C-alpha cells in the first residue's frame, strides 16, 4: 500500500493537490493511504519549505506547486 501525505496549511494549492491525489487514487481503485498534514512541526520535519509538499512512502517527491496529473500518476505506480 502506498502512503501519501500532502503537506500544507490549507492554501488553495494544498487543497488542489489533495483533491488531485484523492481523485486519481479513486479513479484507479488503488489501495493507498492519503493524509493531509497541516501541522507545521510535521511539515518542517520533512524539510519542506514551500507548500504544498508531497511525501510518498516517507520520501519528499515534490514541493511548492500543484503537480500535474501525469506526475501524480507516475508517483502512484507501485513497483
N, C-alpha and C. Protein backbone atom coordinates (compact mmCIF):
# COMPACT_ATOMS: atom_id res chain seq x y z
N UNK A 1 0.84 -1.18 0.00
CA UNK A 1 0.00 0.00 0.00
C UNK A 1 0.88 1.24 0.00
N UNK A 2 0.52 2.19 -0.83
CA UNK A 2 1.25 3.44 -0.91
C UNK A 2 0.72 4.41 0.15
N UNK A 3 1.65 5.07 0.85
CA UNK A 3 1.29 6.06 1.86
C UNK A 3 1.62 7.43 1.29
N UNK A 4 0.60 8.29 1.14
CA UNK A 4 0.77 9.62 0.57
C UNK A 4 0.39 10.67 1.61
N UNK A 5 1.28 11.64 1.80
CA UNK A 5 0.99 12.78 2.66
C UNK A 5 1.08 14.04 1.82
N UNK A 6 0.04 14.86 1.88
CA UNK A 6 0.06 16.18 1.26
C UNK A 6 0.26 17.17 2.40
N UNK A 7 1.38 17.89 2.35
CA UNK A 7 1.76 18.81 3.41
C UNK A 7 1.38 20.23 3.04
N UNK A 8 0.67 20.91 3.95
CA UNK A 8 0.33 22.30 3.69
C UNK A 8 -0.70 22.81 4.67
N UNK A 9 -0.67 24.10 4.87
CA UNK A 9 -1.52 24.71 5.88
C UNK A 9 -2.93 25.03 5.45
N UNK A 10 -3.36 24.59 4.32
CA UNK A 10 -4.73 24.84 3.90
C UNK A 10 -4.87 25.83 2.77
N UNK A 11 -3.77 26.19 2.12
CA UNK A 11 -3.83 27.12 0.99
C UNK A 11 -4.55 26.46 -0.19
N UNK A 12 -4.92 27.26 -1.17
CA UNK A 12 -5.65 26.74 -2.33
C UNK A 12 -4.84 25.68 -3.08
N UNK A 13 -3.53 25.88 -3.21
CA UNK A 13 -2.69 24.90 -3.90
C UNK A 13 -2.61 23.59 -3.12
N UNK A 14 -2.59 23.69 -1.80
CA UNK A 14 -2.54 22.48 -0.96
C UNK A 14 -3.85 21.70 -1.11
N UNK A 15 -4.96 22.40 -1.10
CA UNK A 15 -6.26 21.74 -1.25
C UNK A 15 -6.38 21.13 -2.64
N UNK A 16 -5.91 21.83 -3.67
CA UNK A 16 -5.98 21.30 -5.03
C UNK A 16 -5.11 20.04 -5.16
N UNK A 17 -3.96 20.05 -4.52
CA UNK A 17 -3.07 18.88 -4.58
C UNK A 17 -3.72 17.68 -3.89
N UNK A 18 -4.32 17.91 -2.73
CA UNK A 18 -5.00 16.82 -2.01
C UNK A 18 -6.15 16.26 -2.85
N UNK A 19 -6.95 17.16 -3.43
CA UNK A 19 -8.08 16.72 -4.26
C UNK A 19 -7.59 15.94 -5.48
N UNK A 20 -6.49 16.36 -6.07
CA UNK A 20 -5.93 15.67 -7.22
C UNK A 20 -5.53 14.25 -6.86
N UNK A 21 -4.81 14.08 -5.77
CA UNK A 21 -4.43 12.74 -5.33
C UNK A 21 -5.67 11.91 -5.01
N UNK A 22 -6.62 12.51 -4.31
CA UNK A 22 -7.84 11.79 -3.92
C UNK A 22 -8.58 11.30 -5.17
N UNK A 23 -8.69 12.16 -6.19
CA UNK A 23 -9.40 11.80 -7.42
C UNK A 23 -8.68 10.68 -8.16
N UNK A 24 -7.39 10.78 -8.31
CA UNK A 24 -6.64 9.78 -9.08
C UNK A 24 -6.63 8.44 -8.34
N UNK A 25 -6.47 8.46 -7.04
CA UNK A 25 -6.49 7.21 -6.26
C UNK A 25 -7.86 6.53 -6.42
N UNK A 26 -8.94 7.32 -6.36
CA UNK A 26 -10.29 6.76 -6.50
C UNK A 26 -10.51 6.22 -7.92
N UNK A 27 -10.09 6.99 -8.93
CA UNK A 27 -10.26 6.56 -10.32
C UNK A 27 -9.52 5.26 -10.61
N UNK A 28 -8.35 5.11 -10.03
CA UNK A 28 -7.52 3.92 -10.28
C UNK A 28 -7.91 2.77 -9.36
N UNK A 29 -8.74 3.04 -8.33
CA UNK A 29 -9.13 2.00 -7.39
C UNK A 29 -7.94 1.46 -6.62
N UNK A 30 -7.02 2.35 -6.30
CA UNK A 30 -5.77 1.95 -5.66
C UNK A 30 -5.94 1.77 -4.16
N UNK A 31 -5.10 0.90 -3.60
CA UNK A 31 -5.01 0.75 -2.15
C UNK A 31 -3.95 1.73 -1.69
N UNK A 32 -4.38 2.90 -1.26
CA UNK A 32 -3.43 3.93 -0.83
C UNK A 32 -3.99 4.64 0.39
N UNK A 33 -3.09 5.06 1.25
CA UNK A 33 -3.47 5.83 2.43
C UNK A 33 -3.10 7.28 2.13
N UNK A 34 -4.11 8.14 2.02
CA UNK A 34 -3.91 9.55 1.72
C UNK A 34 -4.19 10.37 2.96
N UNK A 35 -3.23 11.23 3.30
CA UNK A 35 -3.35 12.04 4.52
C UNK A 35 -3.01 13.49 4.20
N UNK A 36 -3.77 14.42 4.74
CA UNK A 36 -3.49 15.86 4.62
C UNK A 36 -2.86 16.28 5.94
N UNK A 37 -1.66 16.81 5.88
CA UNK A 37 -0.91 17.21 7.07
C UNK A 37 -0.84 18.73 7.12
N UNK A 38 -1.41 19.32 8.16
CA UNK A 38 -1.39 20.77 8.31
C UNK A 38 -0.54 21.21 9.50
N UNK A 39 -0.03 20.25 10.26
CA UNK A 39 0.79 20.56 11.43
C UNK A 39 2.16 21.07 10.99
N UNK A 40 2.48 22.31 11.34
CA UNK A 40 3.73 22.93 10.88
C UNK A 40 4.96 22.18 11.37
N UNK A 41 4.90 21.60 12.55
CA UNK A 41 6.05 20.84 13.08
C UNK A 41 6.32 19.61 12.22
N UNK A 42 5.24 18.93 11.81
CA UNK A 42 5.43 17.75 10.96
C UNK A 42 5.90 18.16 9.57
N UNK A 43 5.38 19.27 9.07
CA UNK A 43 5.82 19.75 7.75
C UNK A 43 7.31 20.07 7.80
N UNK A 44 7.75 20.77 8.83
CA UNK A 44 9.16 21.13 8.97
C UNK A 44 10.04 19.89 9.17
N UNK A 45 9.50 18.86 9.79
CA UNK A 45 10.26 17.62 9.99
C UNK A 45 10.62 16.96 8.66
N UNK A 46 9.86 17.26 7.63
CA UNK A 46 10.16 16.72 6.30
C UNK A 46 11.04 17.68 5.48
N UNK A 47 11.49 18.78 6.11
CA UNK A 47 12.33 19.79 5.42
C UNK A 47 11.63 20.40 4.22
N UNK A 48 10.31 20.52 4.29
CA UNK A 48 9.54 21.16 3.22
C UNK A 48 9.41 22.64 3.57
N UNK A 49 9.97 23.49 2.70
CA UNK A 49 9.96 24.92 2.95
C UNK A 49 8.91 25.65 2.12
N UNK A 50 8.35 24.99 1.13
CA UNK A 50 7.36 25.59 0.26
C UNK A 50 6.24 24.58 0.04
N UNK A 51 5.03 24.98 0.34
CA UNK A 51 3.90 24.06 0.23
C UNK A 51 3.12 24.32 -1.05
N UNK A 52 2.41 23.34 -1.54
CA UNK A 52 2.21 22.02 -0.96
C UNK A 52 3.44 21.14 -1.14
N UNK A 53 3.63 20.29 -0.15
CA UNK A 53 4.67 19.26 -0.25
C UNK A 53 3.99 17.91 -0.40
N UNK A 54 4.65 17.02 -1.08
CA UNK A 54 4.11 15.67 -1.27
C UNK A 54 5.16 14.67 -0.79
N UNK A 55 4.73 13.80 0.12
CA UNK A 55 5.60 12.75 0.66
C UNK A 55 4.97 11.41 0.31
N UNK A 56 5.71 10.57 -0.37
CA UNK A 56 5.22 9.25 -0.73
C UNK A 56 6.14 8.21 -0.11
N UNK A 57 5.54 7.36 0.71
CA UNK A 57 6.27 6.32 1.43
C UNK A 57 7.50 6.89 2.13
N UNK A 58 7.33 8.06 2.75
CA UNK A 58 8.37 8.67 3.56
C UNK A 58 9.38 9.52 2.81
N UNK A 59 9.23 9.64 1.49
CA UNK A 59 10.19 10.41 0.69
C UNK A 59 9.49 11.63 0.10
N UNK A 60 10.10 12.81 0.30
CA UNK A 60 9.56 14.03 -0.30
C UNK A 60 9.81 13.97 -1.80
N UNK A 61 8.73 14.02 -2.58
CA UNK A 61 8.87 13.92 -4.03
C UNK A 61 8.55 15.23 -4.73
N UNK A 62 7.95 16.19 -4.01
CA UNK A 62 7.54 17.42 -4.68
C UNK A 62 7.25 18.48 -3.63
N UNK A 63 7.48 19.75 -4.02
CA UNK A 63 7.07 20.84 -3.15
C UNK A 63 6.97 22.13 -3.93
N UNK A 64 6.08 23.01 -3.47
CA UNK A 64 5.99 24.37 -3.99
C UNK A 64 4.98 24.63 -5.07
N UNK A 65 4.33 23.59 -5.60
CA UNK A 65 3.33 23.81 -6.65
C UNK A 65 2.38 22.62 -6.71
N UNK A 66 1.31 22.81 -7.47
CA UNK A 66 0.38 21.70 -7.70
C UNK A 66 0.97 20.84 -8.80
N UNK A 67 1.22 19.56 -8.51
CA UNK A 67 1.79 18.70 -9.55
C UNK A 67 0.77 18.39 -10.64
N UNK A 68 1.26 18.01 -11.80
CA UNK A 68 0.36 17.63 -12.91
C UNK A 68 -0.24 16.26 -12.63
N UNK A 69 -1.36 15.97 -13.30
CA UNK A 69 -2.00 14.66 -13.17
C UNK A 69 -1.04 13.56 -13.60
N UNK A 70 -0.30 13.80 -14.67
CA UNK A 70 0.63 12.79 -15.18
C UNK A 70 1.73 12.48 -14.16
N UNK A 71 2.20 13.52 -13.50
CA UNK A 71 3.24 13.32 -12.48
C UNK A 71 2.70 12.53 -11.30
N UNK A 72 1.49 12.88 -10.85
CA UNK A 72 0.87 12.15 -9.73
C UNK A 72 0.69 10.68 -10.10
N UNK A 73 0.21 10.42 -11.29
CA UNK A 73 0.01 9.03 -11.72
C UNK A 73 1.33 8.27 -11.74
N UNK A 74 2.40 8.92 -12.18
CA UNK A 74 3.70 8.25 -12.22
C UNK A 74 4.20 7.92 -10.81
N UNK A 75 3.89 8.78 -9.84
CA UNK A 75 4.31 8.50 -8.46
C UNK A 75 3.52 7.36 -7.84
N UNK A 76 2.28 7.19 -8.30
CA UNK A 76 1.40 6.19 -7.67
C UNK A 76 1.56 4.79 -8.25
N UNK A 77 2.40 4.66 -9.28
CA UNK A 77 2.64 3.34 -9.84
C UNK A 77 3.44 2.53 -8.83
N UNK A 78 2.89 1.42 -8.45
CA UNK A 78 3.57 0.58 -7.49
C UNK A 78 4.65 -0.23 -8.19
N UNK A 79 5.81 -0.41 -7.53
CA UNK A 79 6.90 -1.18 -8.16
C UNK A 79 6.53 -2.64 -8.35
